């Protein structure tokens, strides 16, 4: 168990910024804490921290190793709980990156429900449409649309059959008319998503095996999916977004699905991790829970 304690000392020292504080929390001497760090660095043949008389800071190698340590220690704690209680009781903090619309309007109440079922779990959320770098940022998993281009990432399907939906508010349709086919979109205002510098203003549709690409008139553009949805509900134009995100508004009649005899883009949702070893029991249960809700 000494090796495990060395990992715990490393993580606690990073979090507290002080060897003395770590030593006090574990009821050991500062010299013992320092020796544990040196032992760990010797076994890894890599410096993990740069130490001076007044400060500690991670090396780049230490920052990478830190995230693996957190994941490993969380899994081991869950194993200890299971060993002593005879049941699987997940616990710990799950750091998730979720897109704005999906996170705020769909998943947030489900995460609350998951936490009610598993009271030892806590969430730390990054709500943003910017793609989180799961290698370098303090994120355990990211919920993303589309299979990641980086083949080294682990992508676990959550809603693999999700589609985009073309829709608009009843107020907009009453004012501007209802497009009968995607070709009619040229006469309509569109509410579009901005990713980086690229406006998503080319929308794909299929019918009878033939693809139709429509260049829409981007009347309102935002780099936040929740803003795009709100503009659509407010009647600012037609939009083309994940059906998962628009389902509550479609069900409530705030939006109307259009051109339903045409096939739309697939927008599969995945849970993305940097390494399969980071799939802790808590993350595994969360993925199953969210997939069941989304189905």
C-alpha atoms as a PDB file:
ATOM      1  CA  UNK A   1       0.000   0.000   0.000  1.00  0.00           C
ATOM      2  CA  UNK A   2       3.025   2.311   0.221  1.00  0.00           C
ATOM      3  CA  UNK A   3       2.897   2.950  -3.515  1.00  0.00           C
ATOM      4  CA  UNK A   4      -0.744   4.008  -3.201  1.00  0.00           C
ATOM      5  CA  UNK A   5       0.130   6.363  -0.359  1.00  0.00           C
ATOM      6  CA  UNK A   6       2.847   7.898  -2.527  1.00  0.00           C
ATOM      7  CA  UNK A   7       0.215   8.642  -5.187  1.00  0.00           C
ATOM      8  CA  UNK A   8      -2.090  10.131  -2.548  1.00  0.00           C
ATOM      9  CA  UNK A   9       0.720  12.347  -1.257  1.00  0.00           C
ATOM     10  CA  UNK A  10       1.464  13.558  -4.792  1.00  0.00           C
ATOM     11  CA  UNK A  11      -2.185  14.462  -5.497  1.00  0.00           C
ATOM     12  CA  UNK A  12      -2.716  16.136  -2.125  1.00  0.00           C
ATOM     13  CA  UNK A  13       0.478  18.155  -2.482  1.00  0.00           C
ATOM     14  CA  UNK A  14      -0.655  19.459  -5.860  1.00  0.00           C
ATOM     15  CA  UNK A  15      -4.075  20.374  -4.448  1.00  0.00           C
ATOM     16  CA  UNK A  16      -2.756  22.072  -1.316  1.00  0.00           C
ATOM     17  CA  UNK A  17       0.425  23.517  -2.811  1.00  0.00           C
ATOM     18  CA  UNK A  18       2.301  22.547   0.333  1.00  0.00           C
ATOM     19  CA  UNK A  19       4.187  19.486   1.511  1.00  0.00           C
ATOM     20  CA  UNK A  20       3.680  20.533   5.117  1.00  0.00           C
ATOM     21  CA  UNK A  21      -0.070  20.754   4.672  1.00  0.00           C
ATOM     22  CA  UNK A  22      -0.136  17.338   3.020  1.00  0.00           C
ATOM     23  CA  UNK A  23       1.928  15.855   5.832  1.00  0.00           C
ATOM     24  CA  UNK A  24      -0.447  17.254   8.470  1.00  0.00           C
ATOM     25  CA  UNK A  25      -3.531  15.912   6.667  1.00  0.00           C
ATOM     26  CA  UNK A  26      -2.016  12.406   6.529  1.00  0.00           C
ATOM     27  CA  UNK A  27      -0.425  12.554   9.997  1.00  0.00           C
ATOM     28  CA  UNK A  28       3.097  12.032   8.691  1.00  0.00           C
ATOM     29  CA  UNK A  29       6.241  14.173   8.835  1.00  0.00           C
ATOM     30  CA  UNK A  30       7.142  16.622   6.050  1.00  0.00           C
ATOM     31  CA  UNK A  31      10.312  14.608   5.533  1.00  0.00           C
ATOM     32  CA  UNK A  32       8.255  11.465   4.914  1.00  0.00           C
ATOM     33  CA  UNK A  33       6.038  13.329   2.422  1.00  0.00           C
ATOM     34  CA  UNK A  34       9.107  14.654   0.603  1.00  0.00           C
ATOM     35  CA  UNK A  35      10.640  11.183   0.515  1.00  0.00           C
ATOM     36  CA  UNK A  36       7.413   9.792  -0.996  1.00  0.00           C
ATOM     37  CA  UNK A  37       7.563  12.287  -3.860  1.00  0.00           C
ATOM     38  CA  UNK A  38      11.219  11.521  -4.493  1.00  0.00           C
ATOM     39  CA  UNK A  39      10.473   7.801  -4.443  1.00  0.00           C
ATOM     40  CA  UNK A  40       7.662   8.236  -6.955  1.00  0.00           C
ATOM     41  CA  UNK A  41       9.827  10.325  -9.293  1.00  0.00           C
ATOM     42  CA  UNK A  42      12.615   7.746  -9.012  1.00  0.00           C
ATOM     43  CA  UNK A  43      10.260   4.900  -9.960  1.00  0.00           C
ATOM     44  CA  UNK A  44       8.903   6.878 -12.938  1.00  0.00           C
ATOM     45  CA  UNK A  45      12.344   8.199 -13.944  1.00  0.00           C
ATOM     46  CA  UNK A  46      10.640  11.564 -14.419  1.00  0.00           C
ATOM     47  CA  UNK A  47      10.507  14.768 -12.333  1.00  0.00           C
ATOM     48  CA  UNK A  48       6.893  15.490 -11.373  1.00  0.00           C
ATOM     49  CA  UNK A  49       7.293  18.732  -9.440  1.00  0.00           C
ATOM     50  CA  UNK A  50       9.735  21.615  -9.311  1.00  0.00           C
ATOM     51  CA  UNK A  51      10.343  22.404  -5.645  1.00  0.00           C
ATOM     52  CA  UNK A  52      11.878  25.491  -4.074  1.00  0.00           C
ATOM     53  CA  UNK A  53      11.909  26.820  -0.532  1.00  0.00           C
ATOM     54  CA  UNK A  54       8.743  28.833  -1.180  1.00  0.00           C
ATOM     55  CA  UNK A  55       6.773  27.131  -3.932  1.00  0.00           C
ATOM     56  CA  UNK A  56       5.857  23.926  -5.717  1.00  0.00           C
ATOM     57  CA  UNK A  57       4.776  23.622  -9.335  1.00  0.00           C
ATOM     58  CA  UNK A  58       4.036  20.740 -11.648  1.00  0.00           C
ATOM     59  CA  UNK A  59       6.282  19.816 -14.533  1.00  0.00           C
ATOM     60  CA  UNK A  60       4.484  19.105 -17.853  1.00  0.00           C
ATOM     61  CA  UNK A  61       5.018  15.399 -17.187  1.00  0.00           C
ATOM     62  CA  UNK A  62       3.607  15.816 -13.691  1.00  0.00           C
ATOM     63  CA  UNK A  63       0.456  17.481 -15.051  1.00  0.00           C
ATOM     64  CA  UNK A  64      -0.191  14.515 -17.348  1.00  0.00           C
ATOM     65  CA  UNK A  65       0.496  11.969 -14.600  1.00  0.00           C
ATOM     66  CA  UNK A  66      -1.722  13.848 -12.140  1.00  0.00           C
ATOM     67  CA  UNK A  67      -4.927  13.151 -14.070  1.00  0.00           C
ATOM     68  CA  UNK A  68      -4.150   9.435 -14.225  1.00  0.00           C
ATOM     69  CA  UNK A  69      -3.458   9.439 -10.484  1.00  0.00           C
ATOM     70  CA  UNK A  70      -6.805  11.063  -9.713  1.00  0.00           C
ATOM     71  CA  UNK A  71      -8.647   8.516 -11.823  1.00  0.00           C
ATOM     72  CA  UNK A  72      -6.756   5.561 -10.350  1.00  0.00           C
ATOM     73  CA  UNK A  73      -7.286   6.690  -6.766  1.00  0.00           C
ATOM     74  CA  UNK A  74     -11.006   7.283  -7.373  1.00  0.00           C
ATOM     75  CA  UNK A  75     -11.373   3.762  -8.767  1.00  0.00           C
ATOM     76  CA  UNK A  76      -9.494   2.259  -5.831  1.00  0.00           C
ATOM     77  CA  UNK A  77     -11.639   4.132  -3.306  1.00  0.00           C
ATOM     78  CA  UNK A  78     -14.758   2.762  -4.973  1.00  0.00           C
ATOM     79  CA  UNK A  79     -13.230  -0.714  -4.783  1.00  0.00           C
ATOM     80  CA  UNK A  80     -12.569  -0.321  -1.071  1.00  0.00           C
ATOM     81  CA  UNK A  81     -16.153   0.806  -0.469  1.00  0.00           C
ATOM     82  CA  UNK A  82     -17.461  -2.162  -2.445  1.00  0.00           C
ATOM     83  CA  UNK A  83     -15.186  -4.532  -0.538  1.00  0.00           C
ATOM     84  CA  UNK A  84     -16.369  -3.350   2.869  1.00  0.00           C
ATOM     85  CA  UNK A  85     -20.038  -2.810   2.134  1.00  0.00           C
ATOM     86  CA  UNK A  86     -20.676  -5.776  -0.124  1.00  0.00           C
ATOM     87  CA  UNK A  87     -22.233  -3.564  -2.795  1.00  0.00           C
ATOM     88  CA  UNK A  88     -21.110  -1.150  -5.458  1.00  0.00           C
ATOM     89  CA  UNK A  89     -21.432   2.382  -4.142  1.00  0.00           C
ATOM     90  CA  UNK A  90     -19.942   4.904  -6.519  1.00  0.00           C
ATOM     91  CA  UNK A  91     -18.474   8.092  -5.163  1.00  0.00           C
ATOM     92  CA  UNK A  92     -16.166  10.967  -5.999  1.00  0.00           C
ATOM     93  CA  UNK A  93     -16.228  14.070  -8.181  1.00  0.00           C
ATOM     94  CA  UNK A  94     -16.959  13.664 -11.893  1.00  0.00           C
ATOM     95  CA  UNK A  95     -15.567  16.464 -14.033  1.00  0.00           C
ATOM     96  CA  UNK A  96     -17.632  16.711 -17.193  1.00  0.00           C
ATOM     97  CA  UNK A  97     -17.572  18.904 -20.287  1.00  0.00           C
ATOM     98  CA  UNK A  98     -20.997  19.309 -21.909  1.00  0.00           C
ATOM     99  CA  UNK A  99     -22.213  21.561 -24.719  1.00  0.00           C
ATOM    100  CA  UNK A 100     -24.311  24.529 -23.629  1.00  0.00           C
ATOM    101  CA  UNK A 101     -27.761  23.587 -24.898  1.00  0.00           C
ATOM    102  CA  UNK A 102     -27.481  19.890 -24.066  1.00  0.00           C
ATOM    103  CA  UNK A 103     -26.011  20.653 -20.646  1.00  0.00           C
ATOM    104  CA  UNK A 104     -28.353  23.406 -19.494  1.00  0.00           C
ATOM    105  CA  UNK A 105     -31.656  22.298 -20.941  1.00  0.00           C
ATOM    106  CA  UNK A 106     -31.456  18.518 -21.135  1.00  0.00           C
ATOM    107  CA  UNK A 107     -28.801  16.939 -18.941  1.00  0.00           C
ATOM    108  CA  UNK A 108     -28.767  19.208 -15.889  1.00  0.00           C
ATOM    109  CA  UNK A 109     -31.927  17.752 -14.272  1.00  0.00           C
ATOM    110  CA  UNK A 110     -30.719  14.243 -15.120  1.00  0.00           C
ATOM    111  CA  UNK A 111     -27.413  14.851 -13.360  1.00  0.00           C
ATOM    112  CA  UNK A 112     -29.392  15.991 -10.318  1.00  0.00           C
ATOM    113  CA  UNK A 113     -31.415  12.768 -10.487  1.00  0.00           C
ATOM    114  CA  UNK A 114     -28.216  10.697 -10.793  1.00  0.00           C
ATOM    115  CA  UNK A 115     -26.776  12.453  -7.750  1.00  0.00           C
ATOM    116  CA  UNK A 116     -29.952  11.658  -5.801  1.00  0.00           C
ATOM    117  CA  UNK A 117     -29.498   7.968  -6.615  1.00  0.00           C
ATOM    118  CA  UNK A 118     -25.767   8.111  -5.828  1.00  0.00           C
ATOM    119  CA  UNK A 119     -25.344  10.694  -3.039  1.00  0.00           C
ATOM    120  CA  UNK A 120     -21.579  10.158  -2.819  1.00  0.00           C
ATOM    121  CA  UNK A 121     -21.111  11.542  -6.343  1.00  0.00           C
ATOM    122  CA  UNK A 122     -20.508  15.217  -7.082  1.00  0.00           C
ATOM    123  CA  UNK A 123     -20.275  16.993 -10.428  1.00  0.00           C
ATOM    124  CA  UNK A 124     -17.943  19.690 -11.689  1.00  0.00           C
ATOM    125  CA  UNK A 125     -19.293  20.920 -15.022  1.00  0.00           C
ATOM    126  CA  UNK A 126     -17.752  22.817 -17.900  1.00  0.00           C
ATOM    127  CA  UNK A 127     -20.728  24.120 -19.893  1.00  0.00           C
ATOM    128  CA  UNK A 128     -19.389  25.383 -23.195  1.00  0.00           C
ATOM    129  CA  UNK A 129     -19.640  24.761 -26.921  1.00  0.00           C
ATOM    130  CA  UNK A 130     -15.864  24.975 -27.159  1.00  0.00           C
ATOM    131  CA  UNK A 131     -14.408  21.496 -27.509  1.00  0.00           C
ATOM    132  CA  UNK A 132     -12.674  20.606 -24.263  1.00  0.00           C
ATOM    133  CA  UNK A 133      -9.215  19.055 -24.618  1.00  0.00           C
ATOM    134  CA  UNK A 134      -9.674  15.927 -22.506  1.00  0.00           C
ATOM    135  CA  UNK A 135      -5.909  15.329 -22.532  1.00  0.00           C
ATOM    136  CA  UNK A 136      -4.773  18.633 -21.063  1.00  0.00           C
ATOM    137  CA  UNK A 137      -7.812  20.045 -19.237  1.00  0.00           C
ATOM    138  CA  UNK A 138      -9.114  18.861 -15.842  1.00  0.00           C
ATOM    139  CA  UNK A 139     -11.950  16.840 -17.412  1.00  0.00           C
ATOM    140  CA  UNK A 140     -12.784  13.175 -16.795  1.00  0.00           C
ATOM    141  CA  UNK A 141     -15.146  12.896 -19.764  1.00  0.00           C
ATOM    142  CA  UNK A 142     -16.769  15.072 -22.417  1.00  0.00           C
ATOM    143  CA  UNK A 143     -20.168  14.601 -24.021  1.00  0.00           C
ATOM    144  CA  UNK A 144     -19.682  15.412 -27.712  1.00  0.00           C
ATOM    145  CA  UNK A 145     -21.587  15.152 -30.970  1.00  0.00           C
ATOM    146  CA  UNK A 146     -19.816  13.230 -33.708  1.00  0.00           C
ATOM    147  CA  UNK A 147     -17.024  10.695 -33.528  1.00  0.00           C
ATOM    148  CA  UNK A 148     -13.793  12.463 -32.475  1.00  0.00           C
ATOM    149  CA  UNK A 149     -11.223  12.910 -35.273  1.00  0.00           C
ATOM    150  CA  UNK A 150      -8.440  11.905 -32.856  1.00  0.00           C
ATOM    151  CA  UNK A 151      -8.403   8.095 -33.065  1.00  0.00           C
ATOM    152  CA  UNK A 152      -6.465   7.827 -29.800  1.00  0.00           C
ATOM    153  CA  UNK A 153      -9.505   9.029 -27.829  1.00  0.00           C
ATOM    154  CA  UNK A 154     -12.069   6.592 -26.459  1.00  0.00           C
ATOM    155  CA  UNK A 155     -15.594   7.380 -27.717  1.00  0.00           C
ATOM    156  CA  UNK A 156     -18.431   5.478 -26.051  1.00  0.00           C
ATOM    157  CA  UNK A 157     -21.850   5.784 -27.736  1.00  0.00           C
ATOM    158  CA  UNK A 158     -24.598   7.456 -25.722  1.00  0.00           C
ATOM    159  CA  UNK A 159     -27.165   8.283 -28.428  1.00  0.00           C
ATOM    160  CA  UNK A 160     -25.680   6.886 -31.673  1.00  0.00           C
ATOM    161  CA  UNK A 161     -28.884   7.252 -33.741  1.00  0.00           C
ATOM    162  CA  UNK A 162     -29.643  10.877 -32.891  1.00  0.00           C
ATOM    163  CA  UNK A 163     -30.553  13.085 -35.874  1.00  0.00           C
ATOM    164  CA  UNK A 164     -30.706  16.785 -36.565  1.00  0.00           C
ATOM    165  CA  UNK A 165     -34.110  18.370 -36.956  1.00  0.00           C
ATOM    166  CA  UNK A 166     -35.216  21.296 -39.123  1.00  0.00           C
ATOM    167  CA  UNK A 167     -37.652  23.391 -37.097  1.00  0.00           C
ATOM    168  CA  UNK A 168     -39.091  26.838 -36.437  1.00  0.00           C
ATOM    169  CA  UNK A 169     -41.485  28.539 -34.034  1.00  0.00           C
ATOM    170  CA  UNK A 170     -45.212  28.741 -34.879  1.00  0.00           C
ATOM    171  CA  UNK A 171     -44.949  32.554 -34.721  1.00  0.00           C
ATOM    172  CA  UNK A 172     -42.252  32.570 -37.409  1.00  0.00           C
ATOM    173  CA  UNK A 173     -44.198  30.172 -39.653  1.00  0.00           C
ATOM    174  CA  UNK A 174     -47.351  32.275 -39.288  1.00  0.00           C
ATOM    175  CA  UNK A 175     -45.395  35.326 -40.392  1.00  0.00           C
ATOM    176  CA  UNK A 176     -43.199  33.858 -43.146  1.00  0.00           C
ATOM    177  CA  UNK A 177     -44.954  30.663 -44.241  1.00  0.00           C
ATOM    178  CA  UNK A 178     -43.931  27.016 -43.915  1.00  0.00           C
ATOM    179  CA  UNK A 179     -41.180  25.654 -46.213  1.00  0.00           C
ATOM    180  CA  UNK A 180     -42.465  22.580 -48.040  1.00  0.00           C
ATOM    181  CA  UNK A 181     -39.002  21.306 -49.057  1.00  0.00           C
ATOM    182  CA  UNK A 182     -35.424  22.178 -48.083  1.00  0.00           C
ATOM    183  CA  UNK A 183     -35.132  24.092 -51.359  1.00  0.00           C
ATOM    184  CA  UNK A 184     -37.615  26.647 -49.980  1.00  0.00           C
ATOM    185  CA  UNK A 185     -35.146  27.593 -47.219  1.00  0.00           C
ATOM    186  CA  UNK A 186     -33.498  30.069 -49.596  1.00  0.00           C
ATOM    187  CA  UNK A 187     -36.486  32.339 -48.964  1.00  0.00           C
ATOM    188  CA  UNK A 188     -36.257  32.099 -45.180  1.00  0.00           C
ATOM    189  CA  UNK A 189     -34.163  33.522 -42.352  1.00  0.00           C
ATOM    190  CA  UNK A 190     -31.925  31.005 -40.607  1.00  0.00           C
ATOM    191  CA  UNK A 191     -30.577  30.848 -37.071  1.00  0.00           C
ATOM    192  CA  UNK A 192     -27.096  29.300 -37.284  1.00  0.00           C
ATOM    193  CA  UNK A 193     -24.395  28.007 -34.979  1.00  0.00           C
ATOM    194  CA  UNK A 194     -20.856  29.399 -35.113  1.00  0.00           C
ATOM    195  CA  UNK A 195     -17.978  27.016 -34.292  1.00  0.00           C
ATOM    196  CA  UNK A 196     -14.703  28.905 -34.219  1.00  0.00           C
ATOM    197  CA  UNK A 197     -14.837  31.036 -37.365  1.00  0.00           C
ATOM    198  CA  UNK A 198     -17.075  28.652 -39.308  1.00  0.00           C
ATOM    199  CA  UNK A 199     -20.802  29.370 -39.625  1.00  0.00           C
ATOM    200  CA  UNK A 200     -22.912  26.237 -39.975  1.00  0.00           C
ATOM    201  CA  UNK A 201     -24.968  27.573 -42.892  1.00  0.00           C
ATOM    202  CA  UNK A 202     -24.822  24.551 -45.219  1.00  0.00           C
ATOM    203  CA  UNK A 203     -27.509  22.068 -44.236  1.00  0.00           C
ATOM    204  CA  UNK A 204     -27.689  18.529 -45.630  1.00  0.00           C
ATOM    205  CA  UNK A 205     -30.847  16.593 -46.500  1.00  0.00           C
ATOM    206  CA  UNK A 206     -31.514  13.293 -48.283  1.00  0.00           C
ATOM    207  CA  UNK A 207     -34.483  11.892 -50.188  1.00  0.00           C
ATOM    208  CA  UNK A 208     -34.635   8.747 -52.311  1.00  0.00           C
ATOM    209  CA  UNK A 209     -30.917   8.312 -51.836  1.00  0.00           C
ATOM    210  CA  UNK A 210     -30.110  11.765 -53.248  1.00  0.00           C
ATOM    211  CA  UNK A 211     -28.320  14.371 -51.148  1.00  0.00           C
ATOM    212  CA  UNK A 212     -29.369  18.021 -51.187  1.00  0.00           C
ATOM    213  CA  UNK A 213     -27.088  20.684 -49.676  1.00  0.00           C
ATOM    214  CA  UNK A 214     -28.813  23.976 -48.949  1.00  0.00           C
ATOM    215  CA  UNK A 215     -26.888  27.210 -48.336  1.00  0.00           C
ATOM    216  CA  UNK A 216     -29.127  29.125 -45.944  1.00  0.00           C
ATOM    217  CA  UNK A 217     -29.248  32.835 -45.184  1.00  0.00           C
ATOM    218  CA  UNK A 218     -27.680  33.183 -41.723  1.00  0.00           C
ATOM    219  CA  UNK A 219     -29.866  35.908 -40.251  1.00  0.00           C
ATOM    220  CA  UNK A 220     -28.838  35.266 -36.618  1.00  0.00           C
ATOM    221  CA  UNK A 221     -25.532  33.584 -35.677  1.00  0.00           C
ATOM    222  CA  UNK A 222     -24.183  32.612 -32.227  1.00  0.00           C
ATOM    223  CA  UNK A 223     -21.354  30.472 -30.887  1.00  0.00           C
ATOM    224  CA  UNK A 224     -23.645  29.216 -28.111  1.00  0.00           C
ATOM    225  CA  UNK A 225     -26.133  26.458 -28.925  1.00  0.00           C
ATOM    226  CA  UNK A 226     -28.509  27.565 -26.186  1.00  0.00           C
ATOM    227  CA  UNK A 227     -28.705  31.047 -27.734  1.00  0.00           C
ATOM    228  CA  UNK A 228     -29.451  29.493 -31.141  1.00  0.00           C
ATOM    229  CA  UNK A 229     -32.305  27.493 -29.589  1.00  0.00           C
ATOM    230  CA  UNK A 230     -33.700  30.540 -27.768  1.00  0.00           C
ATOM    231  CA  UNK A 231     -33.670  32.611 -30.960  1.00  0.00           C
ATOM    232  CA  UNK A 232     -35.520  29.839 -32.782  1.00  0.00           C
ATOM    233  CA  UNK A 233     -38.157  29.619 -30.032  1.00  0.00           C
ATOM    234  CA  UNK A 234     -38.506  33.424 -30.159  1.00  0.00           C
ATOM    235  CA  UNK A 235     -39.406  33.218 -33.869  1.00  0.00           C
ATOM    236  CA  UNK A 236     -36.222  34.671 -35.337  1.00  0.00           C
ATOM    237  CA  UNK A 237     -35.880  32.019 -38.034  1.00  0.00           C
ATOM    238  CA  UNK A 238     -35.590  28.337 -38.932  1.00  0.00           C
ATOM    239  CA  UNK A 239     -32.799  26.290 -37.372  1.00  0.00           C
ATOM    240  CA  UNK A 240     -31.139  22.894 -37.835  1.00  0.00           C
ATOM    241  CA  UNK A 241     -30.015  21.347 -34.568  1.00  0.00           C
ATOM    242  CA  UNK A 242     -29.728  18.115 -32.638  1.00  0.00           C
ATOM    243  CA  UNK A 243     -33.155  16.598 -32.017  1.00  0.00           C
ATOM    244  CA  UNK A 244     -32.038  15.713 -28.480  1.00  0.00           C
ATOM    245  CA  UNK A 245     -31.725  19.400 -27.665  1.00  0.00           C
ATOM    246  CA  UNK A 246     -34.923  20.463 -29.396  1.00  0.00           C
ATOM    247  CA  UNK A 247     -37.142  17.606 -28.158  1.00  0.00           C
ATOM    248  CA  UNK A 248     -38.597  19.483 -25.141  1.00  0.00           C
ATOM    249  CA  UNK A 249     -39.555  22.485 -27.317  1.00  0.00           C
ATOM    250  CA  UNK A 250     -41.003  20.237 -30.030  1.00  0.00           C
ATOM    251  CA  UNK A 251     -43.050  18.307 -27.480  1.00  0.00           C
ATOM    252  CA  UNK A 252     -44.345  21.526 -25.907  1.00  0.00           C
ATOM    253  CA  UNK A 253     -45.271  23.063 -29.268  1.00  0.00           C
ATOM    254  CA  UNK A 254     -42.789  25.907 -28.965  1.00  0.00           C
ATOM    255  CA  UNK A 255     -41.162  24.607 -32.159  1.00  0.00           C
ATOM    256  CA  UNK A 256     -42.524  22.717 -35.164  1.00  0.00           C
ATOM    257  CA  UNK A 257     -40.541  20.076 -37.086  1.00  0.00           C
ATOM    258  CA  UNK A 258     -40.371  20.822 -40.840  1.00  0.00           C
ATOM    259  CA  UNK A 259     -39.846  18.759 -44.012  1.00  0.00           C
ATOM    260  CA  UNK A 260     -40.221  15.530 -42.070  1.00  0.00           C
ATOM    261  CA  UNK A 261     -40.342  13.423 -45.236  1.00  0.00           C
ATOM    262  CA  UNK A 262     -36.671  14.306 -45.799  1.00  0.00           C
ATOM    263  CA  UNK A 263     -33.796  12.568 -43.995  1.00  0.00           C
ATOM    264  CA  UNK A 264     -31.501  14.819 -41.954  1.00  0.00           C
ATOM    265  CA  UNK A 265     -27.894  14.603 -40.746  1.00  0.00           C
ATOM    266  CA  UNK A 266     -26.971  12.057 -38.105  1.00  0.00           C
ATOM    267  CA  UNK A 267     -25.675  13.719 -34.921  1.00  0.00           C
ATOM    268  CA  UNK A 268     -24.485  10.841 -32.709  1.00  0.00           C
ATOM    269  CA  UNK A 269     -23.654  11.676 -29.106  1.00  0.00           C
ATOM    270  CA  UNK A 270     -20.598  10.101 -27.477  1.00  0.00           C
ATOM    271  CA  UNK A 271     -18.947  10.170 -24.093  1.00  0.00           C
ATOM    272  CA  UNK A 272     -15.273  10.849 -24.856  1.00  0.00           C
ATOM    273  CA  UNK A 273     -12.342   9.908 -22.600  1.00  0.00           C
ATOM    274  CA  UNK A 274      -8.592  10.119 -23.149  1.00  0.00           C
ATOM    275  CA  UNK A 275      -8.058   6.521 -21.987  1.00  0.00           C
ATOM    276  CA  UNK A 276     -10.331   3.537 -21.313  1.00  0.00           C
ATOM    277  CA  UNK A 277      -8.611   3.094 -17.942  1.00  0.00           C
ATOM    278  CA  UNK A 278     -10.303   6.318 -16.857  1.00  0.00           C
ATOM    279  CA  UNK A 279     -13.738   4.738 -17.262  1.00  0.00           C
ATOM    280  CA  UNK A 280     -14.447   4.480 -13.544  1.00  0.00           C
ATOM    281  CA  UNK A 281     -17.544   2.683 -12.197  1.00  0.00           C
ATOM    282  CA  UNK A 282     -19.133   6.105 -11.607  1.00  0.00           C
ATOM    283  CA  UNK A 283     -18.579   7.188 -15.226  1.00  0.00           C
ATOM    284  CA  UNK A 284     -19.811   3.830 -16.505  1.00  0.00           C
ATOM    285  CA  UNK A 285     -23.032   4.159 -14.503  1.00  0.00           C
ATOM    286  CA  UNK A 286     -23.484   7.776 -15.610  1.00  0.00           C
ATOM    287  CA  UNK A 287     -23.151   6.849 -19.279  1.00  0.00           C
ATOM    288  CA  UNK A 288     -25.773   4.104 -18.898  1.00  0.00           C
ATOM    289  CA  UNK A 289     -28.054   6.468 -16.982  1.00  0.00           C
ATOM    290  CA  UNK A 290     -27.852   9.270 -19.580  1.00  0.00           C
ATOM    291  CA  UNK A 291     -28.210   6.832 -22.498  1.00  0.00           C
ATOM    292  CA  UNK A 292     -31.403   5.440 -20.940  1.00  0.00           C
ATOM    293  CA  UNK A 293     -32.795   8.958 -20.484  1.00  0.00           C
ATOM    294  CA  UNK A 294     -31.937  10.007 -24.032  1.00  0.00           C
ATOM    295  CA  UNK A 295     -33.521   6.902 -25.539  1.00  0.00           C
END
